[in-house]
N, C-alpha and C. Protein backbone atom coordinates (compact mmCIF):
# COMPACT_ATOMS: atom_id res chain seq x y z
N UNK A 1 78.10 121.49 106.05
CA UNK A 1 77.57 120.55 105.10
C UNK A 1 78.65 119.55 104.67
N UNK A 2 79.86 120.05 104.54
CA UNK A 2 80.97 119.20 104.12
C UNK A 2 81.28 118.14 105.18
N UNK A 3 81.20 118.50 106.46
CA UNK A 3 81.47 117.56 107.54
C UNK A 3 80.41 116.45 107.59
N UNK A 4 79.16 116.78 107.25
CA UNK A 4 78.10 115.76 107.21
C UNK A 4 78.38 114.76 106.10
N UNK A 5 78.82 115.24 104.95
CA UNK A 5 79.14 114.36 103.82
C UNK A 5 80.31 113.45 104.16
N UNK A 6 81.32 113.99 104.84
CA UNK A 6 82.47 113.18 105.24
C UNK A 6 82.06 112.13 106.26
N UNK A 7 81.24 112.52 107.23
CA UNK A 7 80.77 111.58 108.25
C UNK A 7 79.94 110.48 107.61
N UNK A 8 79.09 110.84 106.66
CA UNK A 8 78.28 109.84 105.97
C UNK A 8 79.16 108.89 105.17
N UNK A 9 80.16 109.43 104.49
CA UNK A 9 81.08 108.60 103.71
C UNK A 9 81.85 107.64 104.60
N UNK A 10 82.31 108.13 105.74
CA UNK A 10 83.04 107.28 106.68
C UNK A 10 82.16 106.17 107.24
N UNK A 11 80.92 106.52 107.62
CA UNK A 11 80.03 105.50 108.18
C UNK A 11 79.66 104.47 107.13
N UNK A 12 79.47 104.90 105.89
CA UNK A 12 79.17 103.96 104.81
C UNK A 12 80.35 103.04 104.56
N UNK A 13 81.55 103.59 104.53
CA UNK A 13 82.75 102.79 104.33
C UNK A 13 82.93 101.75 105.44
N UNK A 14 82.71 102.16 106.68
CA UNK A 14 82.83 101.24 107.81
C UNK A 14 81.78 100.13 107.73
N UNK A 15 80.58 100.48 107.33
CA UNK A 15 79.51 99.47 107.22
C UNK A 15 79.83 98.46 106.14
N UNK A 16 80.38 98.91 105.04
CA UNK A 16 80.70 98.01 103.92
C UNK A 16 81.84 97.07 104.30
N UNK A 17 82.85 97.58 104.99
CA UNK A 17 83.99 96.73 105.35
C UNK A 17 83.67 95.80 106.51
N UNK A 18 82.76 96.19 107.38
CA UNK A 18 82.42 95.36 108.53
C UNK A 18 81.41 94.27 108.18
N UNK A 19 80.62 94.46 107.15
CA UNK A 19 79.57 93.50 106.80
C UNK A 19 80.11 92.09 106.54
N UNK A 20 81.18 91.91 105.76
CA UNK A 20 81.69 90.56 105.56
C UNK A 20 82.18 89.91 106.84
N UNK A 21 82.72 90.69 107.76
CA UNK A 21 83.19 90.12 109.03
C UNK A 21 82.03 89.56 109.83
N UNK A 22 80.91 90.26 109.88
CA UNK A 22 79.75 89.77 110.60
C UNK A 22 79.08 88.62 109.86
N UNK A 23 79.11 88.66 108.54
CA UNK A 23 78.45 87.63 107.74
C UNK A 23 79.09 86.27 107.94
N UNK A 24 80.39 86.20 108.11
CA UNK A 24 81.06 84.92 108.25
C UNK A 24 80.72 84.23 109.56
N UNK A 25 80.18 84.98 110.52
CA UNK A 25 79.85 84.40 111.81
C UNK A 25 78.52 83.65 111.81
N UNK A 26 77.70 83.83 110.79
CA UNK A 26 76.39 83.17 110.76
C UNK A 26 76.54 81.65 110.77
N UNK A 27 77.43 81.12 109.96
CA UNK A 27 77.65 79.68 109.93
C UNK A 27 78.36 79.22 111.19
N UNK A 28 79.39 79.96 111.58
CA UNK A 28 80.17 79.58 112.77
C UNK A 28 79.33 79.57 114.04
N UNK A 29 78.41 80.51 114.16
CA UNK A 29 77.62 80.60 115.37
C UNK A 29 76.52 79.54 115.43
N UNK A 30 76.15 78.96 114.30
CA UNK A 30 75.11 77.93 114.31
C UNK A 30 75.68 76.52 114.26
N UNK A 31 77.00 76.39 114.24
CA UNK A 31 77.65 75.08 114.14
C UNK A 31 78.32 74.73 115.47
N UNK A 32 78.04 73.51 115.93
CA UNK A 32 78.66 73.01 117.15
C UNK A 32 80.04 72.43 116.85
N UNK A 33 80.15 71.73 115.71
CA UNK A 33 81.42 71.11 115.32
C UNK A 33 81.54 71.06 113.81
N UNK A 34 82.77 71.08 113.36
CA UNK A 34 83.09 71.01 111.94
C UNK A 34 84.09 69.86 111.80
N UNK A 35 83.74 68.84 110.99
CA UNK A 35 84.57 67.65 110.87
C UNK A 35 85.10 67.56 109.44
N UNK A 36 86.42 67.44 109.31
CA UNK A 36 87.03 67.28 108.00
C UNK A 36 86.84 65.86 107.51
N UNK A 37 86.44 65.73 106.25
CA UNK A 37 86.21 64.43 105.63
C UNK A 37 87.25 64.22 104.54
N UNK A 38 87.42 62.97 104.09
CA UNK A 38 88.37 62.71 103.01
C UNK A 38 87.99 63.48 101.74
N UNK A 39 88.97 63.73 100.91
CA UNK A 39 88.81 64.39 99.61
C UNK A 39 88.34 65.84 99.75
N UNK A 40 88.59 66.47 100.90
CA UNK A 40 88.30 67.88 101.05
C UNK A 40 86.89 68.24 101.45
N UNK A 41 86.03 67.28 101.70
CA UNK A 41 84.66 67.57 102.12
C UNK A 41 84.64 67.93 103.61
N UNK A 42 83.53 68.52 104.04
CA UNK A 42 83.37 68.93 105.44
C UNK A 42 81.98 68.55 105.93
N UNK A 43 81.91 68.05 107.15
CA UNK A 43 80.64 67.74 107.79
C UNK A 43 80.41 68.79 108.86
N UNK A 44 79.23 69.43 108.82
CA UNK A 44 78.86 70.42 109.82
C UNK A 44 77.84 69.81 110.76
N UNK A 45 78.08 69.93 112.06
CA UNK A 45 77.13 69.49 113.07
C UNK A 45 76.57 70.74 113.72
N UNK A 46 75.28 71.00 113.48
CA UNK A 46 74.64 72.20 114.00
C UNK A 46 74.33 72.06 115.48
N UNK A 47 73.99 73.16 116.11
CA UNK A 47 73.72 73.18 117.55
C UNK A 47 72.60 72.24 117.96
N UNK A 48 71.63 72.01 117.07
CA UNK A 48 70.52 71.12 117.39
C UNK A 48 70.86 69.65 117.14
N UNK A 49 72.10 69.34 116.74
CA UNK A 49 72.55 67.98 116.52
C UNK A 49 72.39 67.48 115.10
N UNK A 50 71.67 68.21 114.26
CA UNK A 50 71.49 67.80 112.87
C UNK A 50 72.74 68.14 112.09
N UNK A 51 72.90 67.47 110.95
CA UNK A 51 74.15 67.59 110.20
C UNK A 51 73.92 67.98 108.74
N UNK A 52 74.97 68.53 108.14
CA UNK A 52 74.98 68.87 106.72
C UNK A 52 76.39 68.64 106.20
N UNK A 53 76.48 68.39 104.91
CA UNK A 53 77.78 68.06 104.32
C UNK A 53 78.08 69.01 103.16
N UNK A 54 79.32 69.51 103.14
CA UNK A 54 79.80 70.37 102.06
C UNK A 54 80.86 69.60 101.29
N UNK A 55 80.77 69.58 99.96
CA UNK A 55 81.77 68.85 99.18
C UNK A 55 83.03 69.70 99.02
N UNK A 56 84.01 69.16 98.35
CA UNK A 56 85.29 69.84 98.20
C UNK A 56 85.19 71.12 97.37
N UNK A 57 84.10 71.27 96.62
CA UNK A 57 83.92 72.44 95.77
C UNK A 57 83.07 73.52 96.44
N UNK A 58 82.73 73.33 97.71
CA UNK A 58 81.98 74.33 98.44
C UNK A 58 80.48 74.28 98.26
N UNK A 59 79.96 73.13 97.80
CA UNK A 59 78.52 72.98 97.59
C UNK A 59 77.92 72.09 98.66
N UNK A 60 76.71 72.41 99.07
CA UNK A 60 75.99 71.56 100.02
C UNK A 60 75.50 70.33 99.25
N UNK A 61 75.72 69.15 99.82
CA UNK A 61 75.31 67.91 99.15
C UNK A 61 74.38 67.11 100.06
N UNK A 62 73.57 66.26 99.44
CA UNK A 62 72.61 65.44 100.17
C UNK A 62 73.31 64.50 101.14
N UNK A 63 72.65 64.26 102.23
CA UNK A 63 73.16 63.39 103.28
C UNK A 63 72.00 62.52 103.74
N UNK A 64 72.16 61.22 103.66
CA UNK A 64 71.08 60.32 104.10
C UNK A 64 71.15 60.14 105.61
N UNK A 65 70.02 60.37 106.31
CA UNK A 65 70.02 60.14 107.76
C UNK A 65 70.39 58.69 108.06
N UNK A 66 71.31 58.50 108.98
CA UNK A 66 71.78 57.16 109.32
C UNK A 66 73.01 56.73 108.54
N UNK A 67 73.34 57.46 107.50
CA UNK A 67 74.53 57.15 106.70
C UNK A 67 75.77 57.25 107.58
N UNK A 68 76.67 56.29 107.47
CA UNK A 68 77.91 56.31 108.25
C UNK A 68 78.97 57.02 107.43
N UNK A 69 79.52 58.06 108.02
CA UNK A 69 80.49 58.91 107.34
C UNK A 69 81.85 58.73 108.01
N UNK A 70 82.87 58.50 107.20
CA UNK A 70 84.23 58.34 107.73
C UNK A 70 84.91 59.70 107.75
N UNK A 71 85.37 60.10 108.92
CA UNK A 71 86.10 61.36 109.06
C UNK A 71 87.54 61.16 108.62
N UNK A 72 88.22 62.25 108.37
CA UNK A 72 89.62 62.17 107.94
C UNK A 72 90.50 61.54 109.00
N UNK A 73 90.14 61.73 110.28
CA UNK A 73 90.95 61.17 111.37
C UNK A 73 90.59 59.72 111.70
N UNK A 74 89.68 59.11 110.91
CA UNK A 74 89.34 57.70 111.10
C UNK A 74 88.06 57.43 111.86
N UNK A 75 87.46 58.45 112.48
CA UNK A 75 86.21 58.26 113.20
C UNK A 75 85.09 57.89 112.24
N UNK A 76 84.13 57.15 112.74
CA UNK A 76 82.92 56.82 111.99
C UNK A 76 81.76 57.59 112.63
N UNK A 77 81.07 58.39 111.84
CA UNK A 77 79.99 59.24 112.36
C UNK A 77 78.70 58.87 111.65
N UNK A 78 77.66 58.58 112.44
CA UNK A 78 76.34 58.31 111.87
C UNK A 78 75.62 59.64 111.67
N UNK A 79 75.17 59.89 110.44
CA UNK A 79 74.51 61.15 110.10
C UNK A 79 73.16 61.26 110.79
N UNK A 80 72.87 62.44 111.27
CA UNK A 80 71.59 62.75 111.90
C UNK A 80 70.97 63.89 111.10
N UNK A 81 69.85 63.64 110.48
CA UNK A 81 69.17 64.68 109.71
C UNK A 81 69.84 64.94 108.37
N UNK A 82 69.29 65.89 107.65
CA UNK A 82 69.84 66.31 106.37
C UNK A 82 69.54 67.79 106.21
N UNK A 83 70.43 68.61 106.70
CA UNK A 83 70.23 70.05 106.68
C UNK A 83 70.85 70.67 105.42
N UNK A 84 70.65 70.03 104.28
CA UNK A 84 71.24 70.51 103.03
C UNK A 84 70.71 71.89 102.66
N UNK A 85 69.44 72.15 102.86
CA UNK A 85 68.88 73.46 102.51
C UNK A 85 69.44 74.56 103.40
N UNK A 86 69.59 74.27 104.66
CA UNK A 86 70.14 75.24 105.61
C UNK A 86 71.58 75.59 105.25
N UNK A 87 72.39 74.57 104.98
CA UNK A 87 73.78 74.80 104.62
C UNK A 87 73.88 75.50 103.27
N UNK A 88 73.06 75.09 102.32
CA UNK A 88 73.07 75.72 101.00
C UNK A 88 72.79 77.21 101.12
N UNK A 89 71.81 77.57 101.93
CA UNK A 89 71.49 78.99 102.14
C UNK A 89 72.69 79.74 102.72
N UNK A 90 73.31 79.18 103.75
CA UNK A 90 74.45 79.85 104.37
C UNK A 90 75.63 79.97 103.40
N UNK A 91 75.86 78.94 102.59
CA UNK A 91 76.96 78.99 101.63
C UNK A 91 76.68 80.01 100.52
N UNK A 92 75.44 80.07 100.06
CA UNK A 92 75.09 81.04 99.00
C UNK A 92 75.16 82.48 99.50
N UNK A 93 74.95 82.68 100.77
CA UNK A 93 75.04 84.01 101.35
C UNK A 93 76.49 84.39 101.64
N UNK A 94 77.42 83.50 101.35
CA UNK A 94 78.84 83.80 101.52
C UNK A 94 79.38 83.50 102.89
N UNK A 95 78.72 82.62 103.63
CA UNK A 95 79.17 82.31 104.97
C UNK A 95 80.00 81.04 105.03
N UNK A 96 80.39 80.52 103.91
CA UNK A 96 81.08 79.24 103.87
C UNK A 96 82.43 79.23 104.53
N UNK A 97 82.85 78.03 104.87
CA UNK A 97 84.12 77.88 105.52
C UNK A 97 85.02 77.22 104.58
C-alpha cells in the first residue's frame, strides 16, 4: 500500500512540474513568426497568416487589418486580420512570451 502511495505522489509531482513546460508550447506551436516592435511590444504571425499584437505589459491589443506596423529592425509590416481574442486566450492561459 505504501508503494502505491509513493508512486501516486511521484506521478502527481511529475504531472504538476511538466504541465507548465507543455503549456508554453501552445503559443509557440501556433506562431509562424514573432516580431519585436518598438517600446517592447510584440507582433505574432500565426500559421494561417493572421496577426495579433501584444503590448509591453503582456496584454493583447486591437490591431486594425491593413494597419502598417513598424518593426524594431525598421521593417514595415501590413497587418493581416485581428486575432486579439486568440492571443488574449493564450496569454490568459499563461502561454505568453
